[in-house]
Structures are given as structure tokens and as C-alpha cells.
Amino acid sequence: MSEAANEIPLDRKLTEIYDEGYNAMNRLDENTTIPSNAPEFQVAVKKAIGLFEDATRLVSLVGMFSTNESYEEIPTENLRYFLLPYFLGTMTLRLCNVNRAEVVEVAEVYFKDFLARCENYRLYETPDRDSDSALAELSLVPGGASSDKIRELQRMGQQRNEKIRKFQEKKELDEKIKQLRYVVEQSEAKIDDETKREFFLSLLKSAIIESQDELESIGREKQMLQFVAAAKQRDEEGDNELGEGALRLATKKRPVQPLKPIIITRDAVQKAVYGKGYPSLPTMTVAEFYEQRVAEGIFPDPEKMKEVNKNSLMNKVHMDNAAEQDREDEEQEKLIERDDEEYLARQRAKDEFKDEHRRGEGNRYNRS
């Protein structure tokens, strides 16, 4: 959002940034007294978006997820970070005083990215796209008009049943999340890993259903916005009463920086995958992102850091230890060359001790 939001706070932990954004979003949900277009509400929305963007950058920078895993392999504490694009899409839709067409475009990218990643990790399966063709085969009856009408009725019935199923599933998930949220977030006792995992997976399943619904709503809203834009363009083209200068002043708008989603991938392969279909999407690899931050002076230059590390105290300690080991090896070689009796006697005693005592036989404490 702002320039400060584009900088990664290196002095903060990922969990702290995520929790702050999550709590800020929950406060917005709980506070129903402030209108959504109020300045203080919009400031809170932009703050939550900035925090979630920072968390997204950090998750991508450390390469937390890869495309060849399933959700069973992800540690419980990391499951929550799957929700970041969903949270960003939800918060983006709450923005006011911004070009609405840009808002829905950005939110659509976030929701699609969320569903694609969930599908990659087998959190859900994409609905079967061949259902319409299957219905067409089942409804082949004489008469083209009758066939089309029956097929349309069957499709509408299928959609209705699917919506009822989703509604019931969402209702059960919300009740389950409400119970688990109290245990996970309110209880002071230590929570077992299984309960936490069940809570995060329930959140993800609920978010998947909501994302699918939001994408349907966005599709309808985009059609409406396109219709309004086309009608406005026709009115402007047909308005011949205004002069050329007056028309130019009437249609002149203050330049506004367009909204763009933040999706940072781990490598060039992921960049090719997630960039496909969104040619204007600002997608970059972690290496490109780091180089950009170095050029901006936010991250340290790796070459300069190498020079600094050479002179660090830890390196001096390692160098001293290596020099000491070299001196000891050199002294041992000299003792062997001149057949030092004391050194040879110690070595023979060590060999005799190893022959008579097996390795680890003295470590028998508290063993049966």
C-alpha cells in the first residue's frame, strides 16, 4: 500500500506480524459501529493489508512452502500462513474511495491464488468441469428446445443442491471454529498439536468455501462494472453539447496509483506457473526480490557482508582453533619422528585399553 508497507521489517518475527494483522482484522469484524467508508475504518483496513503483505513477503523469502508437498507434511504452526492471500483478498474488498474495478481485479487474483495453493497441497479438489457435458448426454431427448430446457433445469437443480451442501458444511465449520477458537486463543493452558491442527484446517476449509463464493460475486460485479463503464462511455461520446476543452476538463481525473497484488515466488519455475494468466502481475523470485531490496538499500549487500564476517569475532575464534590444531598435529609428527619414549608409551597404553574395553561398555547407568 504505502512505501513503508513495501519494506520488510527485519527486526520483527513472522508470527508477530501475522498475529498483529489477524487481530486487526478481527477488531474490524467485531466493530460494527463505524461505517466501512469512515476514514478511521479505512486506515485500519490499510494497516491490516500492509501487515499481511509483510507476512507474505517473509513467507516467500524463507521458502516456507513448495509445490511438491501435501498439507499433511506442513507443520501445524505453518498452516495458518496458507490463509494470507485469503485475508488479503477479504481486506482488499473492504477498500473504499478507490477504483472499484481495480479492487475486484486484485481481490480476484488473491482468491484464485489461495484456491490454487490449497489445491496444490490437496486441501480440496477442483469441482468437476465435465458435469455439464454429462448432463447433456443424459438429457438427449427429441426436440432441441425441450432438450435445452431439461438440461437447464438439471443444471439449476445441481447448482441448488451444491449451494445447500456448501451452506450446511459452512454452518458446521463455523460452529466448530467457534468452539476451537476459544480453546486455542482464549485458554491459558498448553494446547496439544492435534487440536491446533484441527482449528487451522477448519479455518482453511471455511476460507475455501468463502473464496469460491467471493469469486462468484466478483464475477457478477465485474459484469455490472463493465456494463456501467460501457454505458458511461456511450453517454460521453453522445454528449455533443460540451466543447472539446470543457469535455477534457470534465473527464480529467486525478492520477491514482493502481492497486497490485503481491505474489513472490521461490524460484523461476514457480514464477512461470503463478505468473501464467496474469501478464501484468508483479511476480518475482526470491532472488530477484532480494536483489531489488539490496539496490534500494534495505537489505545488506552479500559481498560486503562477507568482508564484515571475515573480521568477526566468531571467525577469529575459528581461525585460532584451526591454528592451535595445526600446531598440535605438527608437534605429534615431531614426537613420532624422533621416537619419543613417553609419547610412544601413551599411545601403546591407549591401544591396549581399546583392545580390552569395548566402546560404550562403561555407559551402563540405569540400563537393564
Protein backbone atom coordinates (compact mmCIF):
# COMPACT_ATOMS: atom_id res chain seq x y z
CA MET A 1 0.00 0.00 0.00
CA SER A 2 2.41 2.73 1.20
CA GLU A 3 6.17 2.90 0.78
CA ALA A 4 6.64 1.79 4.38
CA ALA A 5 4.47 -1.23 3.76
CA ASN A 6 6.79 -2.35 0.97
CA GLU A 7 9.72 -2.70 3.37
CA ILE A 8 10.19 -5.93 5.27
CA PRO A 9 10.69 -5.28 9.00
CA LEU A 10 13.77 -7.40 9.66
CA ASP A 11 13.61 -6.75 13.40
CA ARG A 12 10.21 -8.46 13.82
CA LYS A 13 9.21 -12.09 13.82
CA LEU A 14 6.81 -13.50 11.24
CA THR A 15 4.43 -14.70 13.97
CA GLU A 16 4.28 -11.20 15.48
CA ILE A 17 3.41 -9.58 12.14
CA TYR A 18 0.82 -12.24 11.32
CA ASP A 19 -0.84 -12.06 14.76
CA GLU A 20 -0.99 -8.26 14.64
CA GLY A 21 -2.67 -8.33 11.24
CA TYR A 22 -5.02 -11.13 12.30
CA ASN A 23 -6.07 -9.26 15.46
CA ALA A 24 -6.53 -6.03 13.48
CA MET A 25 -8.82 -7.85 11.04
CA ASN A 26 -10.85 -9.41 13.89
CA ARG A 27 -11.31 -5.99 15.50
CA LEU A 28 -12.74 -4.70 12.24
CA ASP A 29 -15.19 -7.62 12.17
CA GLU A 30 -16.24 -7.03 15.77
CA ASN A 31 -16.62 -3.23 15.49
CA THR A 32 -19.95 -2.70 13.72
CA THR A 33 -20.50 0.90 14.91
CA ILE A 34 -18.04 2.54 12.48
CA PRO A 35 -19.18 2.83 8.83
CA SER A 36 -16.98 1.00 6.37
CA ASN A 37 -16.29 4.22 4.43
CA ALA A 38 -15.21 6.15 7.54
CA PRO A 39 -11.58 7.39 7.44
CA GLU A 40 -10.59 5.56 10.66
CA PHE A 41 -12.06 2.29 9.34
CA GLN A 42 -10.16 2.63 6.04
CA VAL A 43 -6.93 3.38 7.89
CA ALA A 44 -7.38 0.17 9.91
CA VAL A 45 -8.08 -1.81 6.71
CA LYS A 46 -4.94 -0.49 5.01
CA LYS A 47 -2.89 -1.25 8.12
CA ALA A 48 -4.11 -4.86 8.15
CA ILE A 49 -3.35 -5.18 4.42
CA GLY A 50 0.17 -3.83 4.99
CA LEU A 51 0.81 -6.34 7.78
CA PHE A 52 -0.46 -9.26 5.70
CA GLU A 53 1.68 -8.12 2.76
CA ASP A 54 4.76 -8.04 5.02
CA ALA A 55 3.95 -11.53 6.29
CA THR A 56 3.52 -12.74 2.68
CA ARG A 57 6.93 -11.37 1.72
CA LEU A 58 8.61 -13.08 4.67
CA VAL A 59 6.87 -16.42 3.98
CA SER A 60 8.02 -16.29 0.37
CA LEU A 61 11.51 -15.10 1.28
CA VAL A 62 12.21 -18.08 3.55
CA GLY A 63 10.72 -20.56 1.04
CA MET A 64 8.31 -21.99 3.60
CA PHE A 65 6.17 -23.85 1.06
CA SER A 66 6.94 -25.87 -2.05
CA THR A 67 4.67 -27.28 -4.76
CA ASN A 68 5.62 -30.94 -4.26
CA GLU A 69 4.18 -31.31 -0.75
CA SER A 70 0.78 -32.03 0.74
CA TYR A 71 -0.79 -30.35 3.73
CA GLU A 72 -0.06 -33.42 5.89
CA GLU A 73 3.66 -32.62 5.59
CA ILE A 74 3.28 -28.99 6.71
CA PRO A 75 4.00 -28.29 10.42
CA THR A 76 0.94 -27.21 12.38
CA GLU A 77 2.31 -23.74 13.16
CA ASN A 78 2.84 -23.03 9.45
CA LEU A 79 -0.68 -23.97 8.30
CA ARG A 80 -2.01 -20.52 9.27
CA TYR A 81 0.15 -18.84 6.61
CA PHE A 82 -1.88 -20.51 3.84
CA LEU A 83 -4.63 -18.02 4.78
CA LEU A 84 -2.59 -14.92 3.88
CA PRO A 85 -3.88 -14.50 0.28
CA TYR A 86 -7.44 -15.13 1.51
CA PHE A 87 -7.07 -12.45 4.20
CA LEU A 88 -5.58 -10.05 1.63
CA GLY A 89 -8.48 -10.65 -0.74
CA THR A 90 -11.04 -10.12 2.03
CA MET A 91 -9.39 -6.90 3.23
CA THR A 92 -8.95 -5.58 -0.31
CA LEU A 93 -12.70 -5.85 -0.95
CA ARG A 94 -13.27 -3.54 2.04
CA LEU A 95 -11.31 -0.67 0.47
CA CYS A 96 -13.37 2.41 -0.36
CA ASN A 97 -12.54 5.65 -2.22
CA VAL A 98 -10.52 3.52 -4.68
CA ASN A 99 -11.31 2.49 -8.25
CA ARG A 100 -13.72 -0.39 -7.67
CA ALA A 101 -12.71 -2.18 -10.86
CA GLU A 102 -9.12 -2.35 -9.62
CA VAL A 103 -10.27 -3.54 -6.19
CA VAL A 104 -12.22 -6.51 -7.58
CA GLU A 105 -9.40 -7.39 -10.00
CA VAL A 106 -6.83 -7.52 -7.19
CA ALA A 107 -9.17 -9.42 -4.85
CA GLU A 108 -9.86 -11.94 -7.61
CA VAL A 109 -6.12 -12.58 -8.01
CA TYR A 110 -5.75 -13.17 -4.26
CA PHE A 111 -8.69 -15.58 -4.04
CA LYS A 112 -7.55 -17.53 -7.11
CA ASP A 113 -4.02 -17.71 -5.73
CA PHE A 114 -5.38 -19.01 -2.41
CA LEU A 115 -7.51 -21.71 -4.07
CA ALA A 116 -4.66 -22.73 -6.40
CA ARG A 117 -2.25 -23.22 -3.50
CA CYS A 118 -4.86 -25.13 -1.48
CA GLU A 119 -5.44 -27.38 -4.48
CA ASN A 120 -1.67 -27.94 -4.89
CA TYR A 121 -1.48 -29.09 -1.28
CA ARG A 122 -4.58 -31.30 -1.65
CA LEU A 123 -6.68 -29.28 0.78
CA TYR A 124 -9.54 -29.51 -1.69
CA GLU A 125 -10.26 -30.72 -5.20
CA THR A 126 -11.42 -28.55 -8.07
CA PRO A 127 -15.08 -29.21 -8.96
CA ASP A 128 -15.58 -31.48 -11.94
CA ARG A 129 -15.91 -29.33 -15.06
CA ASP A 130 -17.40 -32.18 -17.08
CA SER A 131 -20.70 -32.12 -15.20
CA ASP A 132 -22.42 -30.01 -17.87
CA SER A 133 -21.38 -32.40 -20.63
CA ALA A 134 -22.57 -35.35 -18.55
CA LEU A 135 -25.93 -33.66 -18.07
CA ALA A 136 -26.11 -33.02 -21.80
CA GLU A 137 -25.67 -36.71 -22.55
CA LEU A 138 -28.31 -37.73 -20.01
CA SER A 139 -30.84 -35.22 -21.33
CA LEU A 140 -30.77 -36.14 -25.01
CA VAL A 141 -34.44 -36.22 -25.92
CA PRO A 142 -36.19 -35.45 -29.21
CA GLY A 143 -36.65 -31.76 -29.82
CA GLY A 144 -33.85 -29.24 -29.45
CA ALA A 145 -35.83 -26.71 -27.36
CA SER A 146 -37.09 -29.38 -24.94
CA SER A 147 -33.60 -30.82 -24.57
CA ASP A 148 -32.13 -27.41 -23.77
CA LYS A 149 -34.87 -26.68 -21.25
CA ILE A 150 -34.41 -30.00 -19.44
CA ARG A 151 -30.64 -29.55 -19.41
CA GLU A 152 -31.01 -26.06 -17.95
CA LEU A 153 -33.39 -27.32 -15.26
CA GLN A 154 -30.99 -30.12 -14.35
CA ARG A 155 -28.09 -27.67 -14.16
CA MET A 156 -30.07 -25.33 -11.91
CA GLY A 157 -31.05 -28.26 -9.68
CA GLN A 158 -27.44 -29.36 -9.42
CA GLN A 159 -26.33 -25.83 -8.51
CA ARG A 160 -29.07 -25.58 -5.89
CA ASN A 161 -28.03 -28.88 -4.29
CA GLU A 162 -24.39 -27.78 -4.29
CA LYS A 163 -25.27 -24.48 -2.61
CA ILE A 164 -27.31 -26.29 0.06
CA ARG A 165 -24.40 -28.66 0.68
CA LYS A 166 -21.93 -25.79 0.98
CA PHE A 167 -24.27 -23.88 3.28
CA GLN A 168 -24.64 -26.84 5.63
CA GLU A 169 -20.89 -27.55 5.56
CA LYS A 170 -20.08 -23.88 6.23
CA LYS A 171 -22.53 -23.79 9.13
CA GLU A 172 -20.94 -26.86 10.72
CA LEU A 173 -17.43 -25.47 10.16
CA ASP A 174 -18.34 -22.10 11.72
CA GLU A 175 -19.68 -23.82 14.82
CA LYS A 176 -16.58 -25.99 15.05
CA ILE A 177 -14.28 -22.98 14.56
CA LYS A 178 -16.14 -21.06 17.27
CA GLN A 179 -15.54 -23.85 19.79
CA LEU A 180 -11.91 -24.45 18.80
CA ARG A 181 -11.11 -20.72 18.70
CA TYR A 182 -11.98 -20.39 22.37
CA VAL A 183 -9.77 -23.36 23.24
CA VAL A 184 -6.83 -22.23 21.09
CA GLU A 185 -6.93 -18.44 21.56
CA GLN A 186 -8.55 -17.94 24.95
CA SER A 187 -7.32 -20.86 27.03
CA GLU A 188 -4.14 -20.25 29.03
CA ALA A 189 -3.30 -23.95 29.22
CA LYS A 190 -0.92 -25.51 26.74
CA ILE A 191 -2.84 -26.74 23.69
CA ASP A 192 -1.98 -30.07 22.11
CA ASP A 193 -0.80 -30.09 18.50
CA GLU A 194 -3.79 -32.10 17.25
CA THR A 195 -6.32 -29.51 18.48
CA LYS A 196 -4.37 -26.65 16.93
CA ARG A 197 -4.10 -28.50 13.63
CA GLU A 198 -7.83 -29.20 13.58
CA PHE A 199 -8.50 -25.50 14.21
CA PHE A 200 -6.27 -24.29 11.35
CA LEU A 201 -7.62 -26.91 8.93
CA SER A 202 -11.19 -25.88 9.78
CA LEU A 203 -10.29 -22.26 9.11
CA LEU A 204 -8.82 -23.25 5.74
CA LYS A 205 -11.87 -25.30 4.72
CA SER A 206 -14.17 -22.43 5.66
CA ALA A 207 -11.97 -19.96 3.76
CA ILE A 208 -12.08 -22.20 0.67
CA ILE A 209 -15.89 -22.11 0.62
CA GLU A 210 -15.94 -18.34 1.18
CA SER A 211 -13.33 -17.78 -1.55
CA GLN A 212 -15.43 -19.73 -4.04
CA ASP A 213 -18.48 -17.65 -3.12
CA GLU A 214 -16.47 -14.42 -3.35
CA LEU A 215 -15.20 -15.34 -6.82
CA GLU A 216 -18.79 -15.88 -7.98
CA SER A 217 -19.78 -12.48 -6.55
CA ILE A 218 -16.73 -10.83 -8.13
CA GLY A 219 -17.66 -12.34 -11.49
CA ARG A 220 -21.13 -10.80 -11.29
CA GLU A 221 -19.77 -7.46 -10.07
CA LYS A 222 -17.24 -7.30 -12.91
CA GLN A 223 -20.04 -7.78 -15.43
CA MET A 224 -22.01 -4.97 -13.78
CA LEU A 225 -18.98 -2.65 -13.71
CA GLN A 226 -18.30 -3.35 -17.39
CA PHE A 227 -21.92 -2.57 -18.23
CA VAL A 228 -21.79 0.71 -16.26
CA ALA A 229 -18.47 1.69 -17.86
CA ALA A 230 -19.82 0.94 -21.35
CA ALA A 231 -22.97 2.98 -20.67
CA LYS A 232 -20.91 5.90 -19.35
CA GLN A 233 -18.68 5.80 -22.40
CA ARG A 234 -21.70 5.89 -24.70
CA ASP A 235 -23.10 8.88 -22.82
CA GLU A 236 -19.78 10.75 -23.05
CA GLU A 237 -19.44 10.02 -26.77
CA GLY A 238 -23.02 11.12 -27.43
CA ASP A 239 -22.75 14.33 -25.45
CA ASN A 240 -22.06 16.98 -28.12
CA GLU A 241 -23.13 19.98 -26.09
CA LEU A 242 -19.84 20.26 -24.21
CA GLY A 243 -16.93 21.78 -26.06
CA GLU A 244 -13.69 19.91 -26.56
CA GLY A 245 -11.89 21.80 -23.76
CA ALA A 246 -14.80 21.50 -21.31
CA LEU A 247 -15.15 17.79 -22.07
CA ARG A 248 -11.43 17.24 -21.46
CA LEU A 249 -11.65 19.04 -18.10
CA ALA A 250 -14.79 17.16 -17.12
CA THR A 251 -13.29 13.78 -17.85
CA LYS A 252 -9.84 14.56 -16.41
CA LYS A 253 -9.16 12.52 -13.27
CA ARG A 254 -6.56 12.77 -10.60
CA PRO A 255 -3.87 10.10 -11.22
CA VAL A 256 -4.14 7.30 -8.69
CA GLN A 257 -1.54 4.62 -8.21
CA PRO A 258 -3.16 1.34 -9.29
CA LEU A 259 -3.57 -1.49 -6.82
CA LYS A 260 -1.39 -4.51 -7.45
CA PRO A 261 -1.33 -7.83 -5.61
CA ILE A 262 1.90 -9.06 -4.03
CA ILE A 263 2.87 -12.62 -5.01
CA ILE A 264 6.52 -13.55 -4.53
CA THR A 265 7.60 -16.99 -5.69
CA ARG A 266 10.59 -19.04 -4.59
CA ASP A 267 12.22 -19.69 -7.98
CA ALA A 268 11.87 -19.16 -11.72
CA VAL A 269 9.72 -22.29 -12.15
CA GLN A 270 7.11 -21.06 -9.68
CA LYS A 271 7.29 -17.61 -11.29
CA ALA A 272 6.35 -19.14 -14.66
CA VAL A 273 3.47 -21.06 -13.06
CA TYR A 274 1.93 -18.31 -10.92
CA GLY A 275 2.57 -15.61 -13.50
CA LYS A 276 0.68 -17.51 -16.18
CA GLY A 277 -2.66 -15.92 -16.91
CA TYR A 278 -1.71 -12.64 -15.22
CA PRO A 279 0.82 -10.96 -17.55
CA SER A 280 0.62 -7.69 -15.58
CA LEU A 281 1.01 -9.39 -12.21
CA PRO A 282 4.14 -8.24 -10.32
CA THR A 283 5.57 -11.71 -9.76
CA MET A 284 9.25 -12.08 -8.86
CA THR A 285 11.52 -14.78 -7.50
CA VAL A 286 13.04 -14.55 -4.04
CA ALA A 287 16.47 -13.87 -5.61
CA GLU A 288 15.06 -11.01 -7.69
CA PHE A 289 13.25 -9.63 -4.65
CA TYR A 290 16.45 -9.71 -2.57
CA GLU A 291 18.47 -8.00 -5.35
CA GLN A 292 15.82 -5.29 -5.57
CA ARG A 293 15.97 -4.69 -1.82
CA VAL A 294 19.79 -4.54 -1.95
CA ALA A 295 19.60 -1.92 -4.70
CA GLU A 296 17.11 0.07 -2.59
CA GLY A 297 19.47 -0.11 0.40
CA ILE A 298 17.02 -2.07 2.59
CA PHE A 299 18.92 -5.36 2.64
CA PRO A 300 22.71 -5.62 3.15
CA ASP A 301 24.97 -6.37 0.17
CA PRO A 302 26.10 -10.04 0.36
CA GLU A 303 29.64 -9.17 -0.83
CA LYS A 304 30.05 -6.52 1.83
CA MET A 305 28.66 -8.88 4.47
CA LYS A 306 31.33 -11.42 3.55
CA GLU A 307 34.05 -8.86 4.26
CA VAL A 308 32.40 -7.98 7.56
CA ASN A 309 32.10 -11.64 8.55
CA LYS A 310 35.78 -12.23 7.82
CA ASN A 311 36.67 -9.82 10.58
CA SER A 312 34.02 -11.01 13.01
CA LEU A 313 34.92 -12.39 16.44
CA MET A 314 33.50 -15.84 15.59
CA ASN A 315 35.74 -16.17 12.56
CA LYS A 316 38.76 -15.14 14.64
CA VAL A 317 37.91 -17.85 17.18
CA HIS A 318 37.64 -20.46 14.39
CA MET A 319 40.95 -19.34 12.91
CA ASP A 320 42.65 -19.52 16.32
CA ASN A 321 41.25 -23.02 16.90
CA ALA A 322 42.44 -24.16 13.48
CA ALA A 323 45.92 -22.73 14.12
CA GLU A 324 46.08 -24.46 17.53
CA GLN A 325 45.07 -27.78 15.94
CA ASP A 326 47.77 -27.38 13.29
CA ARG A 327 50.38 -26.76 15.98
CA GLU A 328 49.32 -29.88 17.91
CA ASP A 329 49.47 -32.02 14.77
CA GLU A 330 52.92 -30.67 13.96
CA GLU A 331 54.20 -31.44 17.49
CA GLN A 332 52.82 -35.01 17.29
CA GLU A 333 54.61 -35.56 13.98
CA LYS A 334 57.89 -34.36 15.53
CA LEU A 335 57.49 -36.73 18.53
CA ILE A 336 56.85 -39.67 16.19
CA GLU A 337 59.87 -38.82 14.02
CA ARG A 338 62.32 -38.80 16.94
CA ASP A 339 60.73 -41.87 18.64
CA ASP A 340 59.87 -40.08 21.88
CA GLU A 341 59.55 -42.80 24.56
CA GLU A 342 56.93 -41.00 26.68
CA TYR A 343 54.67 -40.30 23.67
CA LEU A 344 55.01 -43.87 22.35
CA ALA A 345 54.22 -45.28 25.82
CA ARG A 346 51.00 -43.23 25.98
CA GLN A 347 49.92 -44.37 22.52
CA ARG A 348 50.56 -48.05 23.39
CA ALA A 349 48.55 -47.66 26.61
CA LYS A 350 45.64 -46.22 24.59
CA ASP A 351 45.76 -49.11 22.11
CA GLU A 352 45.85 -51.72 24.90
CA PHE A 353 42.90 -50.04 26.64
CA LYS A 354 40.85 -50.06 23.41
CA ASP A 355 41.66 -53.74 22.86
CA GLU A 356 40.49 -54.72 26.35
CA HIS A 357 37.42 -52.48 26.59
CA ARG A 358 34.59 -52.37 24.09
CA ARG A 359 33.25 -48.97 23.01
CA GLY A 360 30.47 -47.84 25.36
CA GLU A 361 30.63 -50.76 27.75
CA GLY A 362 31.14 -48.43 30.70
CA ASN A 363 27.97 -46.47 29.90
CA ARG A 364 25.61 -48.86 31.71
CA TYR A 365 23.96 -46.49 34.16
CA ASN A 366 20.22 -47.10 34.68
CA ARG A 367 20.13 -49.83 32.00
CA SER A 368 18.65 -53.31 32.38
